[in-house]
C-alpha cells in the first residue's frame, strides 16, 4: 500500500494507518487519521473534491499562517466537516531562501523546538480535536503548506501518544521525500520558474525528526511529559482515549499472489524501493537510498531477466528481481544459478513473513529453470541483512571488494549462496 493517496492537486496526502505499536499486537487503524499538504488546492466540482469527500472526513485542521491561507486559499466549506485554523508556528521563516550550506537536520530540528515551545495553545487544541474525532469515530485530516514540518510535528505527537516507536515516526516524516519533486515543481510554478536557493527545500531527511525528538526528550523527558507539562493535558488519559479508538489488532496476513512485472508496473516498483530505502535509513541501515533506481532500471531488468510482484488482499506487498548472470559481483560463471536482487516488501502493511515467502518464491523459480543454486549479495557493512540471509540457509562464499553498478563508486559486498533441492 502506497501511503500517498492519489489526487491531482495534492501531492503529500497520506494515511497514518497501519503503523504498529511497540506492544507488537496492535496497529493504527487505517482510514482514520490523514496528513496532507495544503488542502487549498481542492476545488468543488472536481474529481479531487469527490475523492476527498468520499473519505468521510469530519474534521479538518489547517496549521498554516493566516497569510498563507489568504494567498493560497483554504479548503472549500462543506456540511460534512468542520474546519479549524490553528497556526502552530509563531516565528515564520523562508526555507526556500536559506543558504546552500544550511544542514537540514540541525536547522529544522531547532525550528521544530521553537514551534513546540511557542505553539502550545494551538498544539493543545489540535490534540483535543484529534481525541474528539477519535471518540466520535470520524476521520480527521491535518495539514500545513507542504505537509512536511508543522504537519510532521503534529503527526509525531499523535503517533507517539499511540505508542508508535521513534524510528517509525522518523520514517513517516521522511516519506515526504517521495513527494519532494512535485512539491518543488509547485513552488517553481508559483515563483516564475525559479529554483529555491536552498537545496534542502521540500526534503524531509529522517535526521530532522530524530534530532527533534531527541531535543524534546532532553528538555521535557518524553512526548507524554511534554504533553502534560507544556501543553497542560492529561497525557495518560489522552493516550488511553486515542489508543482505545484508533488502534486495532494486527489482522492476519492474506496469502501472497505472485506475477511477473510489466513495464506499466515500473513506477510502483520505484515507489516501493524508495519507501523501503526510507524505512532502512530511519533504522540506521545504510543499504539503499531513495532515487538510486528509476523506472528505466526496472524496465531494463524485465527485458534482461525477470521482475516479480507479490500482492496480498489486492495490495502490493513486495517484489524482487531475478537475474540469470551477475558478473559485476560474481564474475563469469556457468549457467547454474539464479541471482536474487532487490528483494523488498511494503513497509508496515505487507503480511508478516512476506520477505521469507518472497525469497522462497524466487528460489522456486530458479529451481524451475533447472538451476540448483540461488545467489545474492549484500553490502559488506550490513551485518543485519547478512544474518537474515544466513538464517534462511544461505552461506557466505566470498566477498567482492569493488562491485559497481555503473551509477557510483565501487563498493564492497558479501556474496551468499544456497544450494537448492533437486
Protein backbone atom coordinates (compact mmCIF):
# COMPACT_ATOMS: atom_id res chain seq x y z
CA UNK A 1 0.00 0.00 0.00
CA UNK A 2 1.41 3.36 -1.07
CA UNK A 3 0.69 5.76 1.79
CA UNK A 4 0.44 8.64 -0.66
CA UNK A 5 -3.15 8.74 -1.84
CA UNK A 6 -3.80 9.72 -5.44
CA UNK A 7 -5.01 13.28 -6.00
CA UNK A 8 -4.41 15.55 -8.98
CA UNK A 9 -3.72 18.74 -6.98
CA UNK A 10 -2.49 17.27 -3.68
CA UNK A 11 0.96 15.70 -3.56
CA UNK A 12 1.51 14.67 0.06
CA UNK A 13 -1.85 13.32 1.27
CA UNK A 14 -1.14 10.23 3.37
CA UNK A 15 -2.91 7.71 5.58
CA UNK A 16 -1.31 7.23 9.00
CA UNK A 17 -2.96 3.83 9.35
CA UNK A 18 -1.05 0.56 9.53
CA UNK A 19 1.84 1.62 11.76
CA UNK A 20 2.38 -0.91 14.51
CA UNK A 21 2.70 -0.02 18.16
CA UNK A 22 5.54 -1.08 20.41
CA UNK A 23 3.40 -3.73 22.09
CA UNK A 24 3.58 -5.64 18.79
CA UNK A 25 -0.02 -6.77 18.61
CA UNK A 26 -1.80 -3.60 17.51
CA UNK A 27 -1.63 -1.07 14.71
CA UNK A 28 -3.10 2.33 13.87
CA UNK A 29 -6.48 1.90 12.21
CA UNK A 30 -6.42 2.77 8.50
CA UNK A 31 -8.69 5.50 7.13
CA UNK A 32 -8.99 7.37 10.42
CA UNK A 33 -6.02 9.77 10.50
CA UNK A 34 -4.70 11.60 7.46
CA UNK A 35 -1.92 14.15 6.96
CA UNK A 36 -1.60 16.35 3.91
CA UNK A 37 -0.10 19.28 2.09
CA UNK A 38 -2.33 22.34 1.61
CA UNK A 39 -5.97 21.46 1.02
CA UNK A 40 -6.32 24.86 -0.59
CA UNK A 41 -5.69 23.01 -3.84
CA UNK A 42 -9.12 21.34 -3.64
CA UNK A 43 -11.97 22.81 -5.66
CA UNK A 44 -15.64 21.92 -5.75
CA UNK A 45 -16.87 20.01 -8.75
CA UNK A 46 -13.54 18.30 -9.45
CA UNK A 47 -12.54 14.64 -9.19
CA UNK A 48 -10.19 15.60 -6.32
CA UNK A 49 -13.13 17.06 -4.39
CA UNK A 50 -15.16 13.88 -4.89
CA UNK A 51 -12.21 11.76 -3.75
CA UNK A 52 -11.79 13.87 -0.64
CA UNK A 53 -15.47 13.81 0.34
CA UNK A 54 -15.57 10.02 -0.19
CA UNK A 55 -13.11 9.62 2.72
CA UNK A 56 -15.81 10.71 5.16
CA UNK A 57 -13.54 13.19 6.93
CA UNK A 58 -15.34 15.07 9.70
CA UNK A 59 -12.57 17.38 10.92
CA UNK A 60 -10.01 19.46 9.01
CA UNK A 61 -7.15 21.14 10.90
CA UNK A 62 -5.24 23.81 8.98
CA UNK A 63 -1.85 24.52 10.62
CA UNK A 64 -0.79 27.34 8.30
CA UNK A 65 -0.34 31.04 8.95
CA UNK A 66 -3.25 33.30 8.12
CA UNK A 67 -1.26 34.98 5.35
CA UNK A 68 -0.65 31.59 3.73
CA UNK A 69 -4.37 30.96 3.66
CA UNK A 70 -5.02 34.43 2.25
CA UNK A 71 -2.54 33.92 -0.59
CA UNK A 72 -3.00 30.22 -1.34
CA UNK A 73 -6.61 29.57 -0.33
CA UNK A 74 -8.26 27.11 2.04
CA UNK A 75 -10.45 24.07 1.60
CA UNK A 76 -13.99 24.94 0.47
CA UNK A 77 -16.59 24.81 3.24
CA UNK A 78 -18.85 21.75 3.32
CA UNK A 79 -21.53 20.47 5.68
CA UNK A 80 -19.73 17.13 6.12
CA UNK A 81 -16.76 18.51 8.08
CA UNK A 82 -15.73 21.26 10.47
CA UNK A 83 -12.73 23.44 9.65
CA UNK A 84 -10.27 24.64 12.30
CA UNK A 85 -7.45 27.10 11.73
CA UNK A 86 -4.65 26.58 14.27
CA UNK A 87 -1.39 28.28 13.28
CA UNK A 88 1.14 26.49 15.48
CA UNK A 89 4.23 28.25 14.07
CA UNK A 90 4.75 31.68 15.63
CA UNK A 91 8.15 32.53 14.12
CA UNK A 92 7.87 32.07 10.35
CA UNK A 93 10.95 31.51 8.21
CA UNK A 94 11.56 31.13 4.48
CA UNK A 95 13.12 27.75 3.72
CA UNK A 96 13.47 28.47 0.00
CA UNK A 97 15.85 31.38 0.63
CA UNK A 98 18.20 29.65 3.10
CA UNK A 99 21.91 29.48 2.27
CA UNK A 100 23.00 26.34 0.49
CA UNK A 101 25.32 25.34 3.36
CA UNK A 102 22.49 25.06 5.93
CA UNK A 103 22.27 21.46 7.16
CA UNK A 104 18.58 20.39 7.21
CA UNK A 105 18.76 18.15 10.28
CA UNK A 106 20.01 20.56 12.95
CA UNK A 107 18.40 23.65 11.42
CA UNK A 108 14.88 22.25 11.09
CA UNK A 109 15.06 20.43 14.44
CA UNK A 110 15.72 23.83 16.05
CA UNK A 111 12.72 25.34 14.28
CA UNK A 112 10.59 22.42 15.43
CA UNK A 113 11.59 23.07 19.02
CA UNK A 114 10.58 26.71 18.60
CA UNK A 115 7.16 25.58 17.41
CA UNK A 116 6.89 23.12 20.31
CA UNK A 117 7.53 25.95 22.80
CA UNK A 118 5.66 28.79 21.04
CA UNK A 119 2.60 26.97 19.77
CA UNK A 120 1.45 25.21 22.93
CA UNK A 121 -2.07 26.65 22.84
CA UNK A 122 -2.66 25.65 19.22
CA UNK A 123 -0.99 22.24 19.59
CA UNK A 124 -3.09 21.52 22.69
CA UNK A 125 -6.26 22.39 20.78
CA UNK A 126 -5.20 20.24 17.83
CA UNK A 127 -4.68 17.21 20.07
CA UNK A 128 -8.05 17.80 21.69
CA UNK A 129 -9.65 17.79 18.24
CA UNK A 130 -7.85 14.56 17.33
CA UNK A 131 -9.21 12.97 20.53
CA UNK A 132 -12.73 14.27 19.85
CA UNK A 133 -12.69 12.88 16.31
CA UNK A 134 -11.43 9.55 17.64
CA UNK A 135 -14.21 9.38 20.21
CA UNK A 136 -16.83 10.10 17.54
CA UNK A 137 -15.22 7.54 15.19
CA UNK A 138 -14.92 10.05 12.35
CA UNK A 139 -11.81 10.51 10.19
CA UNK A 140 -9.65 13.62 10.60
CA UNK A 141 -7.00 15.32 8.46
CA UNK A 142 -4.42 17.92 9.43
CA UNK A 143 -2.23 19.84 7.05
CA UNK A 144 0.13 22.77 6.51
CA UNK A 145 1.61 24.05 3.23
CA UNK A 146 3.79 21.12 2.12
CA UNK A 147 2.54 18.61 4.68
CA UNK A 148 6.07 18.24 5.99
CA UNK A 149 7.20 20.27 9.02
CA UNK A 150 4.21 21.51 11.01
CA UNK A 151 2.20 18.53 9.86
CA UNK A 152 5.13 16.26 10.69
CA UNK A 153 5.37 17.61 14.23
CA UNK A 154 1.70 17.02 14.97
CA UNK A 155 1.91 13.55 13.41
CA UNK A 156 4.90 12.77 15.66
CA UNK A 157 2.98 13.74 18.79
CA UNK A 158 -0.10 11.74 17.80
CA UNK A 159 1.88 8.65 16.79
CA UNK A 160 3.96 8.89 19.96
CA UNK A 161 0.83 9.01 22.12
CA UNK A 162 -0.48 5.99 20.22
CA UNK A 163 2.66 4.02 21.14
CA UNK A 164 4.44 4.01 17.76
CA UNK A 165 8.24 3.88 18.12
CA UNK A 166 10.51 6.79 17.25
CA UNK A 167 12.12 5.05 14.27
CA UNK A 168 8.74 4.66 12.63
CA UNK A 169 7.84 8.27 13.47
CA UNK A 170 11.06 9.42 11.78
CA UNK A 171 10.32 7.21 8.79
CA UNK A 172 6.80 8.64 8.49
CA UNK A 173 8.29 12.13 8.45
CA UNK A 174 10.79 11.15 5.75
CA UNK A 175 8.07 9.87 3.38
CA UNK A 176 7.59 13.46 2.22
CA UNK A 177 10.77 12.83 0.20
CA UNK A 178 8.61 10.78 -2.18
CA UNK A 179 6.55 13.91 -2.86
CA UNK A 180 9.51 16.32 -2.91
CA UNK A 181 9.78 16.59 -6.74
CA UNK A 182 6.10 17.52 -7.03
CA UNK A 183 6.35 20.00 -4.14
CA UNK A 184 9.39 21.60 -5.76
CA UNK A 185 7.59 21.84 -9.10
CA UNK A 186 4.66 23.54 -7.39
CA UNK A 187 7.00 26.09 -5.75
CA UNK A 188 8.62 26.83 -9.11
CA UNK A 189 5.22 27.32 -10.75
CA UNK A 190 4.33 29.89 -8.11
CA UNK A 191 7.69 31.65 -8.44
CA UNK A 192 8.18 32.26 -12.17
CA UNK A 193 10.11 29.03 -12.70
CA UNK A 194 12.92 29.94 -10.29
CA UNK A 195 14.74 27.32 -8.21
CA UNK A 196 14.91 27.68 -4.40
CA UNK A 197 18.29 28.84 -3.13
CA UNK A 198 18.28 26.07 -0.51
CA UNK A 199 18.93 22.58 -1.93
CA UNK A 200 17.06 21.12 1.06
CA UNK A 201 13.76 22.74 0.11
CA UNK A 202 10.92 20.21 0.18
CA UNK A 203 13.17 17.43 1.52
CA UNK A 204 12.48 15.54 4.75
CA UNK A 205 15.55 13.60 5.92
CA UNK A 206 14.82 11.36 8.88
CA UNK A 207 17.58 13.13 10.84
CA UNK A 208 15.28 16.15 11.27
CA UNK A 209 12.68 14.21 13.21
CA UNK A 210 15.25 12.13 15.06
CA UNK A 211 17.05 15.26 16.28
CA UNK A 212 13.76 16.97 17.18
CA UNK A 213 12.56 14.02 19.24
CA UNK A 214 15.93 13.84 20.99
CA UNK A 215 15.76 17.56 21.82
CA UNK A 216 12.16 17.28 23.01
CA UNK A 217 13.12 14.36 25.24
CA UNK A 218 16.17 16.19 26.60
CA UNK A 219 14.08 19.22 27.53
CA UNK A 220 10.85 17.58 28.69
CA UNK A 221 11.64 13.92 29.31
CA UNK A 222 9.30 12.34 26.72
CA UNK A 223 6.41 13.10 24.42
CA UNK A 224 3.99 12.27 27.24
CA UNK A 225 5.84 14.60 29.62
CA UNK A 226 5.74 17.40 27.04
CA UNK A 227 2.01 16.92 26.53
CA UNK A 228 1.40 17.04 30.28
CA UNK A 229 3.92 19.70 31.32
CA UNK A 230 3.99 22.09 28.38
CA UNK A 231 0.52 21.59 26.91
CA UNK A 232 -1.35 21.14 30.17
CA UNK A 233 -3.14 17.98 29.05
CA UNK A 234 -3.53 14.71 30.94
CA UNK A 235 -1.21 12.66 28.70
CA UNK A 236 -2.08 9.20 30.13
CA UNK A 237 -5.80 9.89 29.75
CA UNK A 238 -5.35 11.34 26.25
CA UNK A 239 -3.19 8.40 25.18
CA UNK A 240 -5.73 5.93 26.57
CA UNK A 241 -8.53 7.62 24.59
CA UNK A 242 -6.53 7.61 21.36
CA UNK A 243 -5.40 4.02 21.77
CA UNK A 244 -8.89 2.77 22.59
CA UNK A 245 -10.35 4.37 19.47
CA UNK A 246 -7.55 4.49 16.92
CA UNK A 247 -5.78 1.16 17.41
CA UNK A 248 -6.83 -2.29 16.26
CA UNK A 249 -5.34 -5.79 16.40
CA UNK A 250 -2.91 -6.56 13.60
CA UNK A 251 -5.02 -8.54 11.11
CA UNK A 252 -3.90 -11.94 9.86
CA UNK A 253 -1.92 -11.77 6.67
CA UNK A 254 -3.58 -12.54 3.35
CA UNK A 255 -1.91 -15.13 1.09
CA UNK A 256 0.56 -13.80 -1.47
CA UNK A 257 -0.18 -13.92 -5.19
CA UNK A 258 2.89 -13.51 -7.42
CA UNK A 259 3.15 -12.47 -11.06
CA UNK A 260 5.81 -11.18 -13.41
CA UNK A 261 6.01 -7.41 -13.67
CA UNK A 262 5.20 -5.41 -16.80
CA UNK A 263 6.61 -2.03 -17.88
CA UNK A 264 3.45 -0.35 -16.56
CA UNK A 265 4.49 -1.54 -13.07
CA UNK A 266 7.80 0.35 -13.15
CA UNK A 267 6.53 3.43 -11.30
CA UNK A 268 5.13 1.28 -8.47
CA UNK A 269 8.47 -0.54 -8.23
CA UNK A 270 10.36 2.75 -7.91
CA UNK A 271 7.97 3.87 -5.15
CA UNK A 272 8.36 0.56 -3.36
CA UNK A 273 12.14 0.66 -3.48
CA UNK A 274 12.29 4.27 -2.33
CA UNK A 275 9.87 3.53 0.52
CA UNK A 276 11.99 0.57 1.59
CA UNK A 277 15.10 2.79 1.45
CA UNK A 278 13.47 5.35 3.76
CA UNK A 279 12.48 2.54 6.13
CA UNK A 280 16.10 1.40 6.25
CA UNK A 281 17.57 4.87 6.79
CA UNK A 282 15.21 5.57 9.69
CA UNK A 283 16.70 2.49 11.35
CA UNK A 284 20.34 3.30 10.65
CA UNK A 285 20.69 0.72 7.86
CA UNK A 286 22.98 2.02 5.12
CA UNK A 287 21.97 -0.25 2.24
CA UNK A 288 19.79 1.79 -0.13
CA UNK A 289 18.97 5.45 -0.71
CA UNK A 290 15.91 6.89 -2.44
CA UNK A 291 16.31 7.86 -6.07
CA UNK A 292 19.04 5.37 -6.93
CA UNK A 293 16.85 3.32 -9.30
CA UNK A 294 14.44 4.82 -11.80
CA UNK A 295 11.70 3.35 -13.96
CA UNK A 296 14.18 2.66 -16.78
CA UNK A 297 16.16 0.39 -14.44
CA UNK A 298 13.19 -1.86 -13.74
CA UNK A 299 12.11 -1.96 -17.37
CA UNK A 300 15.64 -2.99 -18.32
CA UNK A 301 15.64 -5.73 -15.68
CA UNK A 302 12.33 -7.03 -17.08
CA UNK A 303 13.93 -7.18 -20.51
CA UNK A 304 17.21 -8.77 -19.42
CA UNK A 305 15.92 -11.00 -16.63
CA UNK A 306 12.74 -11.19 -14.58
CA UNK A 307 10.98 -8.91 -12.11
CA UNK A 308 8.25 -10.32 -9.89
CA UNK A 309 5.48 -8.65 -7.90
CA UNK A 310 3.57 -10.07 -4.95
CA UNK A 311 0.11 -8.90 -3.91
CA UNK A 312 -1.87 -9.65 -0.77
CA UNK A 313 -5.54 -8.78 -0.45
CA UNK A 314 -5.38 -6.77 -3.67
CA UNK A 315 -2.50 -4.57 -2.47
CA UNK A 316 1.16 -4.64 -3.48
CA UNK A 317 3.09 -6.50 -0.79
CA UNK A 318 6.58 -6.88 -2.28
CA UNK A 319 8.79 -7.54 -5.27
CA UNK A 320 12.14 -8.94 -6.35
CA UNK A 321 14.43 -9.12 -9.36
CA UNK A 322 15.77 -12.37 -10.74
CA UNK A 323 18.92 -12.29 -12.86
CA UNK A 324 20.46 -15.19 -14.78
CA UNK A 325 24.01 -13.81 -14.54
CA UNK A 326 25.76 -11.24 -12.37
CA UNK A 327 29.33 -10.70 -13.46
CA UNK A 328 29.70 -7.41 -11.56
CA UNK A 329 29.52 -9.28 -8.26
CA UNK A 330 30.29 -12.91 -9.12
CA UNK A 331 32.39 -12.73 -12.28
CA UNK A 332 31.95 -15.14 -15.21
CA UNK A 333 30.09 -18.26 -14.06
CA UNK A 334 28.47 -21.27 -15.73
CA UNK A 335 24.65 -21.06 -16.06
CA UNK A 336 23.98 -22.97 -12.84
CA UNK A 337 22.40 -20.28 -10.63
CA UNK A 338 19.83 -17.54 -10.37
CA UNK A 339 20.75 -14.23 -8.75
CA UNK A 340 18.21 -12.56 -6.48
CA UNK A 341 18.26 -8.76 -6.26
CA UNK A 342 16.15 -6.06 -4.65
CA UNK A 343 14.05 -8.38 -2.52
CA UNK A 344 11.70 -5.85 -0.91
CA UNK A 345 8.41 -5.76 0.96
CA UNK A 346 5.99 -2.89 1.53
CA UNK A 347 6.91 -1.44 4.96
CA UNK A 348 4.32 -2.00 7.71
CA UNK A 349 1.49 -3.33 5.55
CA UNK A 350 2.93 -6.47 3.96
CA UNK A 351 1.76 -9.65 5.75
CA UNK A 352 4.15 -10.96 8.42
CA UNK A 353 6.81 -13.23 6.94
CA UNK A 354 6.44 -11.76 3.44
CA UNK A 355 10.19 -11.42 2.97
CA UNK A 356 10.76 -15.11 3.61
CA UNK A 357 7.82 -16.04 1.39
CA UNK A 358 9.20 -13.94 -1.47
CA UNK A 359 12.64 -15.49 -1.05
CA UNK A 360 11.08 -18.96 -1.26
CA UNK A 361 9.18 -17.96 -4.41
CA UNK A 362 12.39 -16.71 -6.02
CA UNK A 363 14.19 -19.94 -5.13
CA UNK A 364 11.34 -21.99 -6.58
CA UNK A 365 11.55 -20.04 -9.82
CA UNK A 366 15.31 -20.65 -10.01
CA UNK A 367 14.80 -24.37 -9.42
CA UNK A 368 12.04 -24.49 -12.05
CA UNK A 369 14.55 -23.06 -14.53
CA UNK A 370 16.80 -26.07 -13.87
CA UNK A 371 19.41 -24.19 -11.82
CA UNK A 372 20.49 -25.54 -8.45
CA UNK A 373 21.97 -22.50 -6.74
CA UNK A 374 20.41 -19.28 -5.53
CA UNK A 375 22.87 -16.43 -5.12
CA UNK A 376 22.64 -12.92 -3.74
CA UNK A 377 24.80 -10.27 -2.18
CA UNK A 378 24.52 -7.53 0.43
CA UNK A 379 26.70 -4.64 1.48
CA UNK A 380 29.66 -5.96 3.44
CA UNK A 381 28.81 -3.46 6.20
CA UNK A 382 25.22 -4.69 6.57
CA UNK A 383 25.59 -7.37 9.22
CA UNK A 384 21.86 -7.37 9.93
CA UNK A 385 20.93 -8.34 6.37
CA UNK A 386 23.70 -10.91 6.17
CA UNK A 387 22.37 -12.55 9.35
CA UNK A 388 18.86 -12.58 7.87
CA UNK A 389 20.00 -14.46 4.78
CA UNK A 390 22.16 -16.85 6.79
CA UNK A 391 19.10 -17.71 8.88
CA UNK A 392 17.35 -18.61 5.62
CA UNK A 393 20.01 -21.14 4.68
CA UNK A 394 22.48 -19.00 2.73
CA UNK A 395 26.17 -19.29 3.44
CA UNK A 396 28.91 -16.76 2.85
CA UNK A 397 31.12 -17.86 -0.02
CA UNK A 398 33.24 -14.76 -0.59
CA UNK A 399 33.44 -11.02 -0.89
CA UNK A 400 33.60 -8.68 -3.86
CA UNK A 401 35.54 -5.62 -2.64
CA UNK A 402 34.84 -3.41 -5.67
CA UNK A 403 31.40 -4.10 -7.11
CA UNK A 404 29.97 -1.36 -9.30
CA UNK A 405 26.52 -0.94 -10.81
CA UNK A 406 27.62 1.87 -13.10
CA UNK A 407 25.89 4.62 -11.07
CA UNK A 408 28.52 5.41 -8.43
CA UNK A 409 31.76 4.46 -6.75
CA UNK A 410 32.66 0.78 -6.27
CA UNK A 411 31.51 -0.78 -3.01
CA UNK A 412 32.21 -4.00 -1.11
CA UNK A 413 29.59 -6.74 -0.96
CA UNK A 414 29.35 -10.09 0.78
CA UNK A 415 28.49 -12.99 -1.54
CA UNK A 416 25.99 -15.58 -0.31
CA UNK A 417 24.82 -18.83 -1.89
CA UNK A 418 22.22 -21.52 -1.18
CA UNK A 419 22.08 -24.95 -2.80
CA UNK A 420 18.56 -25.79 -3.85
CA UNK A 421 16.99 -29.22 -3.55
CA UNK A 422 16.78 -31.10 -6.87
